[in-house]
Amino acid sequence: MDTNTLLIIVVVILLLGGGGFFFRRR
């Protein structure tokens, strides 16, 4: 697995799991 692949997976998990987490902080 490359670093880019891991990054994409993390982003997808964040969007599916806690989609409004980063948006709430702003």
N, C-alpha and C. Protein backbone atom coordinates (compact mmCIF):
# COMPACT_ATOMS: atom_id res chain seq x y z
N MET A 1 0.84 -1.21 0.00
CA MET A 1 0.00 0.00 0.00
C MET A 1 0.87 1.25 0.00
N ASP A 2 0.52 2.19 -0.83
CA ASP A 2 1.27 3.44 -0.88
C ASP A 2 0.68 4.45 0.10
N THR A 3 1.42 5.52 0.35
CA THR A 3 0.95 6.55 1.26
C THR A 3 -0.31 7.21 0.71
N ASN A 4 -0.35 7.38 -0.60
CA ASN A 4 -1.53 8.01 -1.22
C ASN A 4 -2.76 7.16 -1.03
N THR A 5 -2.60 5.86 -1.16
CA THR A 5 -3.74 4.95 -0.98
C THR A 5 -4.27 5.04 0.44
N LEU A 6 -3.37 5.05 1.41
CA LEU A 6 -3.79 5.15 2.81
C LEU A 6 -4.52 6.46 3.06
N LEU A 7 -4.01 7.54 2.46
CA LEU A 7 -4.64 8.85 2.62
C LEU A 7 -6.06 8.83 2.08
N ILE A 8 -6.23 8.24 0.90
CA ILE A 8 -7.56 8.17 0.30
C ILE A 8 -8.51 7.38 1.17
N ILE A 9 -8.03 6.25 1.71
CA ILE A 9 -8.87 5.42 2.57
C ILE A 9 -9.28 6.19 3.82
N VAL A 10 -8.34 6.90 4.41
CA VAL A 10 -8.64 7.68 5.62
C VAL A 10 -9.69 8.75 5.31
N VAL A 11 -9.55 9.42 4.19
CA VAL A 11 -10.50 10.47 3.80
C VAL A 11 -11.89 9.88 3.61
N VAL A 12 -11.96 8.72 2.94
CA VAL A 12 -13.26 8.08 2.71
C VAL A 12 -13.90 7.69 4.03
N ILE A 13 -13.10 7.14 4.95
CA ILE A 13 -13.64 6.74 6.26
C ILE A 13 -14.14 7.96 7.02
N LEU A 14 -13.40 9.06 6.93
CA LEU A 14 -13.83 10.27 7.62
C LEU A 14 -15.13 10.80 7.03
N LEU A 15 -15.25 10.74 5.70
CA LEU A 15 -16.47 11.24 5.05
C LEU A 15 -17.66 10.36 5.41
N LEU A 16 -17.44 9.04 5.45
CA LEU A 16 -18.54 8.12 5.74
C LEU A 16 -18.87 8.11 7.23
N GLY A 17 -17.82 8.07 8.05
CA GLY A 17 -18.02 7.98 9.50
C GLY A 17 -18.45 9.30 10.10
N GLY A 18 -17.53 10.27 10.13
CA GLY A 18 -17.83 11.58 10.73
C GLY A 18 -17.75 12.66 9.68
N GLY A 19 -18.74 12.69 8.79
CA GLY A 19 -18.69 13.62 7.66
C GLY A 19 -18.70 15.08 8.11
N GLY A 20 -19.46 15.39 9.19
CA GLY A 20 -19.60 16.79 9.59
C GLY A 20 -18.62 17.18 10.69
N PHE A 21 -17.56 16.38 10.86
CA PHE A 21 -16.64 16.67 11.96
C PHE A 21 -15.80 17.91 11.64
N PHE A 22 -15.15 17.89 10.47
CA PHE A 22 -14.28 19.02 10.11
C PHE A 22 -15.11 20.25 9.80
N PHE A 23 -16.30 20.04 9.25
CA PHE A 23 -17.14 21.18 8.91
C PHE A 23 -17.65 21.87 10.17
N ARG A 24 -17.82 21.10 11.24
CA ARG A 24 -18.30 21.69 12.50
C ARG A 24 -17.24 22.59 13.12
N ARG A 25 -15.98 22.21 13.00
CA ARG A 25 -14.89 22.98 13.61
C ARG A 25 -14.76 24.34 12.95
N ARG A 26 -15.12 24.42 11.66
CA ARG A 26 -14.93 25.68 10.96
C ARG A 26 -16.03 26.63 11.34
